[in-house]
C-alpha atoms as a PDB file:
ATOM      1  CA  MET A   1     133.412 294.485  23.001  1.00  0.00           C
ATOM      2  CA  GLY A   2     136.534 293.986  26.027  1.00  0.00           C
ATOM      3  CA  LEU A   3     135.416 293.936  29.717  1.00  0.00           C
ATOM      4  CA  GLN A   4     137.174 297.779  30.532  1.00  0.00           C
ATOM      5  CA  ALA A   5     135.064 298.603  27.654  1.00  0.00           C
ATOM      6  CA  ILE A   6     131.694 297.542  29.303  1.00  0.00           C
ATOM      7  CA  VAL A   7     132.546 298.275  32.882  1.00  0.00           C
ATOM      8  CA  GLU A   8     133.024 302.271  30.838  1.00  0.00           C
ATOM      9  CA  ALA A   9     129.986 301.981  28.762  1.00  0.00           C
ATOM     10  CA  ILE A  10     127.477 300.612  31.847  1.00  0.00           C
ATOM     11  CA  VAL A  11     129.586 303.370  34.156  1.00  0.00           C
ATOM     12  CA  ALA A  12     128.162 306.054  31.078  1.00  0.00           C
ATOM     13  CA  PHE A  13     125.458 305.042  30.682  1.00  0.00           C
ATOM     14  CA  VAL A  14     124.094 305.074  34.498  1.00  0.00           C
ATOM     15  CA  ARG A  15     125.449 308.522  34.282  1.00  0.00           C
ATOM     16  CA  ASP A  16     123.510 310.078  31.473  1.00  0.00           C
ATOM     17  CA  HIS A  17     120.762 307.917  33.562  1.00  0.00           C
ATOM     18  CA  GLU A  18     120.913 308.416  36.808  1.00  0.00           C
ATOM     19  CA  SER A  19     116.844 307.189  37.149  1.00  0.00           C
ATOM     20  CA  TRP A  20     118.061 304.082  35.713  1.00  0.00           C
ATOM     21  CA  ALA A  21     120.588 303.255  38.588  1.00  0.00           C
ATOM     22  CA  ILE A  22     118.310 300.771  40.767  1.00  0.00           C
ATOM     23  CA  PRO A  23     117.477 298.491  38.402  1.00  0.00           C
ATOM     24  CA  ILE A  24     121.078 298.551  36.226  1.00  0.00           C
ATOM     25  CA  VAL A  25     122.233 297.717  39.571  1.00  0.00           C
ATOM     26  CA  PHE A  26     119.195 295.071  40.248  1.00  0.00           C
ATOM     27  CA  LEU A  27     120.884 293.858  36.260  1.00  0.00           C
ATOM     28  CA  VAL A  28     124.775 293.358  36.988  1.00  0.00           C
ATOM     29  CA  SER A  29     124.110 291.861  40.235  1.00  0.00           C
ATOM     30  CA  PHE A  30     122.484 288.741  38.728  1.00  0.00           C
ATOM     31  CA  GLY A  31     124.780 289.039  35.840  1.00  0.00           C
ATOM     32  CA  GLU A  32     127.720 288.164  38.532  1.00  0.00           C
ATOM     33  CA  SER A  33     125.952 285.550  40.688  1.00  0.00           C
ATOM     34  CA  PHE A  34     124.618 284.112  37.238  1.00  0.00           C
ATOM     35  CA  CYS A  35     126.217 281.101  36.737  1.00  0.00           C
ATOM     36  CA  PHE A  36     126.522 281.589  33.316  1.00  0.00           C
ATOM     37  CA  PHE A  37     127.351 284.861  33.329  1.00  0.00           C
ATOM     38  CA  SER A  38     129.485 284.822  36.334  1.00  0.00           C
ATOM     39  CA  VAL A  39     132.005 283.944  34.465  1.00  0.00           C
ATOM     40  CA  ILE A  40     133.227 286.427  32.066  1.00  0.00           C
ATOM     41  CA  TRP A  41     130.646 289.559  33.947  1.00  0.00           C
ATOM     42  CA  PRO A  42     132.621 292.354  35.602  1.00  0.00           C
ATOM     43  CA  GLY A  43     129.935 293.295  37.955  1.00  0.00           C
ATOM     44  CA  THR A  44     131.884 294.140  41.245  1.00  0.00           C
ATOM     45  CA  ALA A  45     134.275 296.276  38.883  1.00  0.00           C
ATOM     46  CA  ILE A  46     130.573 298.065  37.504  1.00  0.00           C
ATOM     47  CA  LEU A  47     129.021 298.132  40.678  1.00  0.00           C
ATOM     48  CA  VAL A  48     131.977 299.518  42.211  1.00  0.00           C
ATOM     49  CA  GLY A  49     131.724 302.469  39.160  1.00  0.00           C
ATOM     50  CA  ILE A  50     128.271 302.984  39.751  1.00  0.00           C
ATOM     51  CA  SER A  51     128.574 303.396  43.591  1.00  0.00           C
ATOM     52  CA  ALA A  52     131.204 306.304  42.962  1.00  0.00           C
ATOM     53  CA  LEU A  53     128.793 308.205  39.939  1.00  0.00           C
ATOM     54  CA  ILE A  54     125.782 308.300  42.662  1.00  0.00           C
ATOM     55  CA  ALA A  55     128.324 309.206  45.572  1.00  0.00           C
ATOM     56  CA  ALA A  56     130.091 312.298  42.945  1.00  0.00           C
ATOM     57  CA  SER A  57     126.846 313.185  41.787  1.00  0.00           C
ATOM     58  CA  GLY A  58     125.679 314.928  44.403  1.00  0.00           C
ATOM     59  CA  ILE A  59     122.875 312.636  45.625  1.00  0.00           C
ATOM     60  CA  GLY A  60     121.884 311.951  49.144  1.00  0.00           C
ATOM     61  CA  HIS A  61     122.603 309.337  51.438  1.00  0.00           C
ATOM     62  CA  ALA A  62     118.837 308.135  51.053  1.00  0.00           C
ATOM     63  CA  ILE A  63     119.712 306.069  47.508  1.00  0.00           C
ATOM     64  CA  LEU A  64     122.370 304.231  49.084  1.00  0.00           C
ATOM     65  CA  LEU A  65     120.327 301.971  50.411  1.00  0.00           C
ATOM     66  CA  PRO A  66     117.853 301.111  47.814  1.00  0.00           C
ATOM     67  CA  MET A  67     121.155 300.318  45.845  1.00  0.00           C
ATOM     68  CA  ILE A  68     122.081 297.406  48.041  1.00  0.00           C
ATOM     69  CA  VAL A  69     118.361 296.117  48.850  1.00  0.00           C
ATOM     70  CA  SER A  70     118.342 296.198  44.245  1.00  0.00           C
ATOM     71  CA  ALA A  71     122.212 294.762  44.377  1.00  0.00           C
ATOM     72  CA  ALA A  72     121.272 292.102  47.468  1.00  0.00           C
ATOM     73  CA  LEU A  73     118.353 290.658  45.210  1.00  0.00           C
ATOM     74  CA  GLY A  74     120.148 290.671  41.853  1.00  0.00           C
ATOM     75  CA  GLY A  75     122.902 288.560  43.416  1.00  0.00           C
ATOM     76  CA  ALA A  76     120.238 286.394  45.646  1.00  0.00           C
ATOM     77  CA  ILE A  77     117.522 285.768  42.396  1.00  0.00           C
ATOM     78  CA  GLY A  78     121.300 285.119  40.462  1.00  0.00           C
ATOM     79  CA  TYR A  79     122.547 281.909  43.148  1.00  0.00           C
ATOM     80  CA  ALA A  80     118.230 280.843  43.528  1.00  0.00           C
ATOM     81  CA  ALA A  81     118.041 280.132  40.191  1.00  0.00           C
ATOM     82  CA  SER A  82     122.014 278.521  39.086  1.00  0.00           C
ATOM     83  CA  TYR A  83     120.427 276.882  42.057  1.00  0.00           C
ATOM     84  CA  TRP A  84     117.514 275.327  40.427  1.00  0.00           C
ATOM     85  CA  ILE A  85     119.577 274.774  37.041  1.00  0.00           C
ATOM     86  CA  GLY A  86     122.188 272.721  39.271  1.00  0.00           C
ATOM     87  CA  TRP A  87     119.441 270.617  40.557  1.00  0.00           C
ATOM     88  CA  TYR A  88     117.324 270.051  36.949  1.00  0.00           C
ATOM     89  CA  PHE A  89     120.565 269.109  35.041  1.00  0.00           C
ATOM     90  CA  LYS A  90     122.764 267.429  37.804  1.00  0.00           C
ATOM     91  CA  ASP A  91     125.485 265.294  36.078  1.00  0.00           C
ATOM     92  CA  SER A  92     125.193 266.339  32.807  1.00  0.00           C
ATOM     93  CA  ILE A  93     125.829 270.598  33.556  1.00  0.00           C
ATOM     94  CA  GLY A  94     129.374 269.347  32.402  1.00  0.00           C
ATOM     95  CA  ARG A  95     128.091 268.906  28.923  1.00  0.00           C
ATOM     96  CA  ILE A  96     126.923 273.329  29.352  1.00  0.00           C
ATOM     97  CA  TRP A  97     128.560 275.518  29.026  1.00  0.00           C
ATOM     98  CA  PRO A  98     130.919 277.226  30.926  1.00  0.00           C
ATOM     99  CA  PHE A  99     132.016 273.836  31.959  1.00  0.00           C
ATOM    100  CA  SER A 100     132.311 272.222  29.081  1.00  0.00           C
ATOM    101  CA  SER A 101     134.772 275.118  27.967  1.00  0.00           C
ATOM    102  CA  HIS A 102     136.338 274.970  32.014  1.00  0.00           C
ATOM    103  CA  PRO A 103     135.864 271.484  32.601  1.00  0.00           C
ATOM    104  CA  ALA A 104     137.744 272.126  36.250  1.00  0.00           C
ATOM    105  CA  MET A 105     135.356 273.903  37.649  1.00  0.00           C
ATOM    106  CA  ILE A 106     133.131 271.455  38.739  1.00  0.00           C
ATOM    107  CA  PRO A 107     135.933 269.727  40.450  1.00  0.00           C
ATOM    108  CA  THR A 108     136.643 272.715  42.161  1.00  0.00           C
ATOM    109  CA  GLY A 109     133.412 273.393  43.321  1.00  0.00           C
ATOM    110  CA  GLU A 110     132.018 270.508  44.788  1.00  0.00           C
ATOM    111  CA  ARG A 111     135.372 269.894  47.334  1.00  0.00           C
ATOM    112  CA  PHE A 112     134.572 273.901  48.087  1.00  0.00           C
ATOM    113  CA  PHE A 113     131.158 272.663  49.070  1.00  0.00           C
ATOM    114  CA  LYS A 114     132.039 269.260  50.530  1.00  0.00           C
ATOM    115  CA  GLU A 115     134.572 271.437  52.669  1.00  0.00           C
ATOM    116  CA  TYR A 116     132.480 274.088  53.527  1.00  0.00           C
ATOM    117  CA  GLY A 117     128.986 273.433  53.221  1.00  0.00           C
ATOM    118  CA  ALA A 118     126.401 275.865  53.760  1.00  0.00           C
ATOM    119  CA  TRP A 119     129.661 278.178  54.322  1.00  0.00           C
ATOM    120  CA  GLY A 120     130.482 277.046  51.261  1.00  0.00           C
ATOM    121  CA  VAL A 121     127.324 278.792  50.104  1.00  0.00           C
ATOM    122  CA  PHE A 122     128.007 282.047  52.339  1.00  0.00           C
ATOM    123  CA  PHE A 123     131.147 282.261  51.195  1.00  0.00           C
ATOM    124  CA  GLY A 124     130.179 281.959  47.485  1.00  0.00           C
ATOM    125  CA  HIS A 125     129.106 285.665  46.505  1.00  0.00           C
ATOM    126  CA  PHE A 126     132.472 286.968  47.697  1.00  0.00           C
ATOM    127  CA  PHE A 127     135.008 284.455  46.014  1.00  0.00           C
ATOM    128  CA  GLY A 128     134.862 284.875  42.399  1.00  0.00           C
ATOM    129  CA  PRO A 129     136.944 281.702  40.973  1.00  0.00           C
ATOM    130  CA  VAL A 130     133.796 279.699  42.518  1.00  0.00           C
ATOM    131  CA  ARG A 131     131.188 282.088  42.650  1.00  0.00           C
ATOM    132  CA  ALA A 132     129.507 280.771  39.157  1.00  0.00           C
ATOM    133  CA  VAL A 133     129.383 277.059  40.397  1.00  0.00           C
ATOM    134  CA  ILE A 134     129.165 276.784  43.848  1.00  0.00           C
ATOM    135  CA  PRO A 135     125.002 276.715  44.065  1.00  0.00           C
ATOM    136  CA  ILE A 136     124.872 274.972  41.170  1.00  0.00           C
ATOM    137  CA  VAL A 137     126.904 272.384  42.577  1.00  0.00           C
ATOM    138  CA  ALA A 138     124.935 273.258  45.515  1.00  0.00           C
ATOM    139  CA  GLY A 139     121.642 272.146  43.183  1.00  0.00           C
ATOM    140  CA  MET A 140     123.618 268.793  41.525  1.00  0.00           C
ATOM    141  CA  PHE A 141     123.795 267.836  45.450  1.00  0.00           C
ATOM    142  CA  ARG A 142     120.559 268.102  46.698  1.00  0.00           C
ATOM    143  CA  MET A 143     121.169 270.783  49.153  1.00  0.00           C
ATOM    144  CA  PRO A 144     118.172 271.730  51.189  1.00  0.00           C
ATOM    145  CA  GLN A 145     116.516 274.743  49.754  1.00  0.00           C
ATOM    146  CA  VAL A 146     115.809 276.197  53.499  1.00  0.00           C
ATOM    147  CA  PRO A 147     119.545 276.607  54.405  1.00  0.00           C
ATOM    148  CA  PHE A 148     120.686 277.376  51.107  1.00  0.00           C
ATOM    149  CA  GLN A 149     118.648 280.295  50.673  1.00  0.00           C
ATOM    150  CA  ILE A 150     118.819 281.597  54.259  1.00  0.00           C
ATOM    151  CA  ALA A 151     122.826 280.982  53.339  1.00  0.00           C
ATOM    152  CA  ASN A 152     121.764 282.748  50.659  1.00  0.00           C
ATOM    153  CA  VAL A 153     119.851 285.554  51.360  1.00  0.00           C
ATOM    154  CA  VAL A 154     122.773 286.707  54.082  1.00  0.00           C
ATOM    155  CA  SER A 155     125.549 286.351  52.439  1.00  0.00           C
ATOM    156  CA  ALA A 156     123.655 288.331  49.121  1.00  0.00           C
ATOM    157  CA  CYS A 157     123.474 291.239  52.073  1.00  0.00           C
ATOM    158  CA  LEU A 158     126.558 291.499  52.997  1.00  0.00           C
ATOM    159  CA  TRP A 159     128.138 291.228  49.643  1.00  0.00           C
ATOM    160  CA  ALA A 160     125.960 293.773  48.216  1.00  0.00           C
ATOM    161  CA  ALA A 161     126.397 296.587  50.751  1.00  0.00           C
ATOM    162  CA  GLY A 162     130.440 295.385  50.920  1.00  0.00           C
ATOM    163  CA  VAL A 163     131.134 296.343  47.358  1.00  0.00           C
ATOM    164  CA  ILE A 164     128.572 299.457  47.167  1.00  0.00           C
ATOM    165  CA  ALA A 165     128.704 301.295  50.615  1.00  0.00           C
ATOM    166  CA  PRO A 166     132.673 301.496  50.833  1.00  0.00           C
ATOM    167  CA  SER A 167     132.747 303.003  47.666  1.00  0.00           C
ATOM    168  CA  TYR A 168     130.212 305.712  48.026  1.00  0.00           C
ATOM    169  CA  PHE A 169     131.694 306.500  51.532  1.00  0.00           C
ATOM    170  CA  PHE A 170     134.941 306.772  49.930  1.00  0.00           C
ATOM    171  CA  VAL A 171     133.977 309.217  47.215  1.00  0.00           C
ATOM    172  CA  THR A 172     131.944 311.244  49.573  1.00  0.00           C
ATOM    173  CA  ASN A 173     134.917 311.562  51.778  1.00  0.00           C
ATOM    174  CA  LYS A 174     137.750 310.901  49.788  1.00  0.00           C
ATOM    175  CA  GLU A 175     139.488 314.146  50.647  1.00  0.00           C
ATOM    176  CA  GLN A 176     139.298 313.345  54.181  1.00  0.00           C
ATOM    177  CA  ILE A 177     140.517 309.940  53.890  1.00  0.00           C
ATOM    178  CA  PHE A 178     142.993 311.557  51.425  1.00  0.00           C
ATOM    179  CA  ALA A 179     144.455 314.077  53.919  1.00  0.00           C
ATOM    180  CA  LEU A 180     144.712 311.366  56.906  1.00  0.00           C
ATOM    181  CA  ILE A 181     147.077 308.868  54.833  1.00  0.00           C
ATOM    182  CA  ARG A 182     149.202 311.704  53.760  1.00  0.00           C
ATOM    183  CA  GLU A 183     149.798 311.847  57.528  1.00  0.00           C
ATOM    184  CA  HIS A 184     150.582 309.135  57.843  1.00  0.00           C
ATOM    185  CA  SER A 185     151.812 307.744  55.138  1.00  0.00           C
ATOM    186  CA  TRP A 186     154.501 304.945  56.882  1.00  0.00           C
ATOM    187  CA  LEU A 187     151.170 303.057  57.601  1.00  0.00           C
ATOM    188  CA  PRO A 188     149.502 302.288  54.467  1.00  0.00           C
ATOM    189  CA  LEU A 189     153.006 301.080  52.974  1.00  0.00           C
ATOM    190  CA  ILE A 190     153.799 298.974  56.349  1.00  0.00           C
ATOM    191  CA  LEU A 191     150.670 297.500  55.473  1.00  0.00           C
ATOM    192  CA  LEU A 192     151.398 296.465  52.082  1.00  0.00           C
ATOM    193  CA  ALA A 193     154.593 294.753  53.035  1.00  0.00           C
ATOM    194  CA  ALA A 194     152.496 293.005  55.812  1.00  0.00           C
ATOM    195  CA  LEU A 195     149.541 291.793  53.369  1.00  0.00           C
ATOM    196  CA  ALA A 196     152.106 290.476  50.367  1.00  0.00           C
ATOM    197  CA  ALA A 197     154.331 288.731  53.119  1.00  0.00           C
ATOM    198  CA  ALA A 198     150.630 287.089  54.023  1.00  0.00           C
ATOM    199  CA  ASN A 199     149.977 286.579  50.698  1.00  0.00           C
ATOM    200  CA  SER A 200     151.907 283.883  50.178  1.00  0.00           C
ATOM    201  CA  ILE A 201     150.334 281.344  52.304  1.00  0.00           C
ATOM    202  CA  PRO A 202     148.969 279.059  50.547  1.00  0.00           C
ATOM    203  CA  THR A 203     145.147 278.709  52.152  1.00  0.00           C
ATOM    204  CA  ARG A 204     142.281 280.390  50.045  1.00  0.00           C
ATOM    205  CA  HIS A 205     141.268 281.671  53.649  1.00  0.00           C
ATOM    206  CA  TYR A 206     144.800 284.087  53.199  1.00  0.00           C
ATOM    207  CA  ALA A 207     145.131 284.539  49.447  1.00  0.00           C
ATOM    208  CA  TYR A 208     142.460 285.696  48.545  1.00  0.00           C
ATOM    209  CA  THR A 209     141.766 288.292  51.825  1.00  0.00           C
ATOM    210  CA  THR A 210     144.862 289.851  51.610  1.00  0.00           C
ATOM    211  CA  LEU A 211     145.391 289.710  47.446  1.00  0.00           C
ATOM    212  CA  ILE A 212     142.252 291.949  48.201  1.00  0.00           C
ATOM    213  CA  ALA A 213     142.917 293.571  50.969  1.00  0.00           C
ATOM    214  CA  PHE A 214     146.884 294.603  48.887  1.00  0.00           C
ATOM    215  CA  VAL A 215     144.957 296.402  46.715  1.00  0.00           C
ATOM    216  CA  VAL A 216     142.618 298.220  48.469  1.00  0.00           C
ATOM    217  CA  ILE A 217     145.636 299.711  50.455  1.00  0.00           C
ATOM    218  CA  GLY A 218     147.841 299.658  48.000  1.00  0.00           C
ATOM    219  CA  ALA A 219     144.759 302.339  45.724  1.00  0.00           C
ATOM    220  CA  LEU A 220     144.080 304.424  48.535  1.00  0.00           C
ATOM    221  CA  PHE A 221     147.121 305.276  48.986  1.00  0.00           C
ATOM    222  CA  LEU A 222     149.011 306.636  44.865  1.00  0.00           C
ATOM    223  CA  PHE A 223     144.799 307.812  45.585  1.00  0.00           C
ATOM    224  CA  SER A 224     145.919 310.160  48.012  1.00  0.00           C
ATOM    225  CA  GLY A 225     149.046 311.364  46.166  1.00  0.00           C
ATOM    226  CA  GLY A 226     151.428 308.068  47.087  1.00  0.00           C
ATOM    227  CA  SER A 227     155.265 307.196  45.235  1.00  0.00           C
ATOM    228  CA  LEU A 228     154.087 304.180  43.311  1.00  0.00           C
ATOM    229  CA  PRO A 229     157.988 303.553  43.168  1.00  0.00           C
ATOM    230  CA  LEU A 230     157.199 303.250  47.223  1.00  0.00           C
ATOM    231  CA  ALA A 231     154.363 301.636  47.292  1.00  0.00           C
ATOM    232  CA  VAL A 232     155.886 298.915  44.662  1.00  0.00           C
ATOM    233  CA  LEU A 233     159.466 298.390  47.034  1.00  0.00           C
ATOM    234  CA  ALA A 234     157.522 297.400  49.982  1.00  0.00           C
ATOM    235  CA  GLY A 235     154.739 295.395  48.453  1.00  0.00           C
ATOM    236  CA  ALA A 236     158.107 293.549  46.536  1.00  0.00           C
ATOM    237  CA  PHE A 237     159.525 293.725  50.288  1.00  0.00           C
ATOM    238  CA  GLY A 238     156.576 292.037  52.437  1.00  0.00           C
ATOM    239  CA  ALA A 239     156.328 289.615  49.131  1.00  0.00           C
ATOM    240  CA  TRP A 240     160.334 288.560  49.105  1.00  0.00           C
ATOM    241  CA  LEU A 241     160.043 288.077  52.951  1.00  0.00           C
ATOM    242  CA  GLY A 242     156.795 285.660  52.381  1.00  0.00           C
ATOM    243  CA  ASP A 243     158.892 283.019  49.775  1.00  0.00           C
ATOM    244  CA  LEU A 244     161.753 283.568  52.093  1.00  0.00           C
ATOM    245  CA  MET A 245     159.821 281.919  55.501  1.00  0.00           C
ATOM    246  CA  GLY A 246     157.983 279.671  52.763  1.00  0.00           C
ATOM    247  CA  TYR A 247     161.610 278.194  51.832  1.00  0.00           C
ATOM    248  CA  ARG A 248     162.410 277.995  55.445  1.00  0.00           C
ATOM    249  CA  THR A 249     159.262 275.994  55.857  1.00  0.00           C
ATOM    250  CA  GLY A 250     159.989 273.664  52.676  1.00  0.00           C
ATOM    251  CA  ALA A 251     162.947 273.118  54.370  1.00  0.00           C
ATOM    252  CA  ARG A 252     161.447 271.864  57.455  1.00  0.00           C
ATOM    253  CA  HIS A 253     159.787 269.917  55.799  1.00  0.00           C
ATOM    254  CA  ARG A 254     161.252 268.241  52.835  1.00  0.00           C
ATOM    255  CA  ALA A 255     159.355 264.620  53.717  1.00  0.00           C
ATOM    256  CA  ASP A 256     155.982 266.791  53.289  1.00  0.00           C
ATOM    257  CA  PHE A 257     155.812 270.321  53.637  1.00  0.00           C
ATOM    258  CA  ARG A 258     151.591 270.138  52.967  1.00  0.00           C
ATOM    259  CA  ALA A 259     151.816 269.723  56.496  1.00  0.00           C
ATOM    260  CA  ALA A 260     153.335 273.164  57.714  1.00  0.00           C
ATOM    261  CA  TRP A 261     149.395 273.963  56.545  1.00  0.00           C
ATOM    262  CA  PRO A 262     147.204 271.278  56.291  1.00  0.00           C
ATOM    263  CA  ASN A 263     143.723 273.552  55.332  1.00  0.00           C
ATOM    264  CA  GLY A 264     145.774 274.014  53.074  1.00  0.00           C
ATOM    265  CA  TRP A 265     145.060 274.220  48.581  1.00  0.00           C
ATOM    266  CA  GLY A 266     145.941 270.600  48.972  1.00  0.00           C
ATOM    267  CA  LYS A 267     147.885 267.769  47.084  1.00  0.00           C
ATOM    268  CA  GLU A 268     147.660 268.311  43.575  1.00  0.00           C
ATOM    269  CA  PRO A 269     148.994 271.936  43.602  1.00  0.00           C
ATOM    270  CA  ALA A 270     151.689 270.796  45.743  1.00  0.00           C
ATOM    271  CA  GLU A 271     152.265 268.269  43.465  1.00  0.00           C
ATOM    272  CA  ARG A 272     151.664 270.538  40.912  1.00  0.00           C
ATOM    273  CA  ALA A 273     154.471 273.412  42.336  1.00  0.00           C
ATOM    274  CA  GLN A 274     156.936 270.173  43.160  1.00  0.00           C
ATOM    275  CA  VAL A 275     156.702 269.315  39.489  1.00  0.00           C
ATOM    276  CA  ILE A 276     157.420 272.922  38.215  1.00  0.00           C
ATOM    277  CA  VAL A 277     160.113 273.880  40.992  1.00  0.00           C
ATOM    278  CA  GLU A 278     161.884 270.184  39.718  1.00  0.00           C
ATOM    279  CA  LYS A 279     162.005 270.920  36.063  1.00  0.00           C
ATOM    280  CA  TRP A 280     163.040 275.269  36.362  1.00  0.00           C
ATOM    281  CA  GLY A 281     163.883 275.031  39.469  1.00  0.00           C
ATOM    282  CA  VAL A 282     163.933 278.116  40.915  1.00  0.00           C
ATOM    283  CA  LEU A 283     162.862 279.966  37.802  1.00  0.00           C
ATOM    284  CA  SER A 284     159.836 278.687  38.436  1.00  0.00           C
ATOM    285  CA  LEU A 285     159.872 281.546  41.122  1.00  0.00           C
ATOM    286  CA  LEU A 286     158.164 283.670  38.332  1.00  0.00           C
ATOM    287  CA  ILE A 287     155.734 281.735  37.202  1.00  0.00           C
ATOM    288  CA  SER A 288     154.577 280.501  40.508  1.00  0.00           C
ATOM    289  CA  LYS A 289     154.299 283.995  41.158  1.00  0.00           C
ATOM    290  CA  PHE A 290     150.791 284.962  39.297  1.00  0.00           C
ATOM    291  CA  HIS A 291     149.136 282.037  40.528  1.00  0.00           C
ATOM    292  CA  THR A 292     147.538 281.960  43.253  1.00  0.00           C
ATOM    293  CA  THR A 293     147.689 278.049  44.347  1.00  0.00           C
ATOM    294  CA  LEU A 294     151.031 277.638  43.356  1.00  0.00           C
ATOM    295  CA  ARG A 295     151.934 281.313  44.993  1.00  0.00           C
ATOM    296  CA  GLY A 296     152.793 279.799  48.663  1.00  0.00           C
ATOM    297  CA  TYR A 297     154.060 276.386  47.650  1.00  0.00           C
ATOM    298  CA  ALA A 298     156.919 276.848  45.101  1.00  0.00           C
ATOM    299  CA  PRO A 299     158.357 278.338  47.455  1.00  0.00           C
ATOM    300  CA  MET A 300     158.249 275.565  49.394  1.00  0.00           C
ATOM    301  CA  ALA A 301     158.924 272.959  46.949  1.00  0.00           C
ATOM    302  CA  ALA A 302     162.129 274.910  46.325  1.00  0.00           C
ATOM    303  CA  GLY A 303     163.482 274.676  50.157  1.00  0.00           C
ATOM    304  CA  ALA A 304     162.226 270.865  50.462  1.00  0.00           C
ATOM    305  CA  ARG A 305     164.431 270.459  47.099  1.00  0.00           C
ATOM    306  CA  GLU A 306     167.430 272.443  48.850  1.00  0.00           C
ATOM    307  CA  VAL A 307     167.452 274.979  45.701  1.00  0.00           C
ATOM    308  CA  SER A 308     170.256 277.701  46.346  1.00  0.00           C
ATOM    309  CA  LEU A 309     168.793 280.507  48.640  1.00  0.00           C
ATOM    310  CA  LEU A 310     171.531 282.696  46.805  1.00  0.00           C
ATOM    311  CA  ALA A 311     169.886 281.675  44.114  1.00  0.00           C
ATOM    312  CA  PHE A 312     166.493 281.782  44.575  1.00  0.00           C
ATOM    313  CA  ALA A 313     166.656 284.687  46.683  1.00  0.00           C
ATOM    314  CA  PHE A 314     168.128 287.012  43.855  1.00  0.00           C
ATOM    315  CA  VAL A 315     164.837 285.299  41.972  1.00  0.00           C
ATOM    316  CA  SER A 316     162.387 285.836  44.527  1.00  0.00           C
ATOM    317  CA  ALA A 317     163.647 289.745  44.925  1.00  0.00           C
ATOM    318  CA  ALA A 318     162.387 290.139  40.870  1.00  0.00           C
ATOM    319  CA  SER A 319     159.768 288.313  40.970  1.00  0.00           C
ATOM    320  CA  ALA A 320     157.979 289.911  43.480  1.00  0.00           C
ATOM    321  CA  ALA A 321     158.659 293.172  42.016  1.00  0.00           C
ATOM    322  CA  GLY A 322     157.250 292.121  38.877  1.00  0.00           C
ATOM    323  CA  TRP A 323     154.380 291.267  41.108  1.00  0.00           C
ATOM    324  CA  ALA A 324     153.807 293.972  43.123  1.00  0.00           C
ATOM    325  CA  GLY A 325     154.331 296.165  39.556  1.00  0.00           C
ATOM    326  CA  ALA A 326     151.436 294.270  37.734  1.00  0.00           C
ATOM    327  CA  LEU A 327     149.257 294.900  40.813  1.00  0.00           C
ATOM    328  CA  LEU A 328     149.461 298.386  41.500  1.00  0.00           C
ATOM    329  CA  ALA A 329     150.456 299.662  38.571  1.00  0.00           C
ATOM    330  CA  PRO A 330     147.231 300.071  36.828  1.00  0.00           C
ATOM    331  CA  TYR A 331     145.852 302.036  38.982  1.00  0.00           C
ATOM    332  CA  PRO A 332     146.382 305.452  36.655  1.00  0.00           C
ATOM    333  CA  LEU A 333     143.979 303.696  34.608  1.00  0.00           C
ATOM    334  CA  LEU A 334     141.713 304.004  37.335  1.00  0.00           C
ATOM    335  CA  HIS A 335     141.953 307.343  38.208  1.00  0.00           C
ATOM    336  CA  ARG A 336     140.900 307.992  34.744  1.00  0.00           C
ATOM    337  CA  LEU A 337     138.064 305.731  34.755  1.00  0.00           C
ATOM    338  CA  PHE A 338     135.995 306.971  37.195  1.00  0.00           C
ATOM    339  CA  GLY A 339     137.879 310.286  38.136  1.00  0.00           C
ATOM    340  CA  TRP A 340     139.346 309.464  41.469  1.00  0.00           C
END
């Protein structure tokens, strides 16, 4: 069963058995935060679907707080269980699935944890690529119980509210929101261009937040009746500008373009971008645009190697259009799935 089928099946079950919504929200949130499920479990999509469904059913606001509390408990308990698994297995955790099948997960989590400490636990709930491994690493490193649980519980509450509340209030107020967007249709297009440009900055802070914001703004614009070609054009233009800024940055810092963003993804992704640009030249943009850690480094590597600016601008425009289209085109499927 594919991920889409899982989402549809669970949301359909809640549609037919609304009294089960609270325990299902708990179980879905637990799976989203538990190390062995988090890698493959589409928990966030399921929670958004359940929240939207409950809002559309006409049930009053009284159910919103129990849903958020249930999701927060599930997320916090899933993280705590993962922490104790990491504490118990320690260095042998790498021999257990899914870490045995994805050996880079533990080193990635270690770097994230060493860089941010307790804040890494806090942010871990919000970053899909490290959500499964951060509590494991915290347990492996014997992070003290009290700061771990404080960071875990607080972030789980904020994560639960951030996943459930927006979709609930959006569905209950969507006509007013859509009317406002239609009245100021130029604003979401400007935001899409700005977010696409900012997504080229090679740091995890910008990469994930701008990508999520781009997807949300694009969804609102399209669901309100906005033009898909215009949305793709705005996103592609912003991504193209971001590439050009990266090219210029690389040209100005040829010796070490990582110095332009000292808090970037790190040495290894930058070196990989250099290797890809050396091998594929300007065509590397067609690959890197869809790779989170290479997205910002490849244009800088191209600038550092003095790749033809004309060829760079042409291929960048094509890859930017493909990137924006891939992110925005699936919304008709979501419209059919959730009825928005």
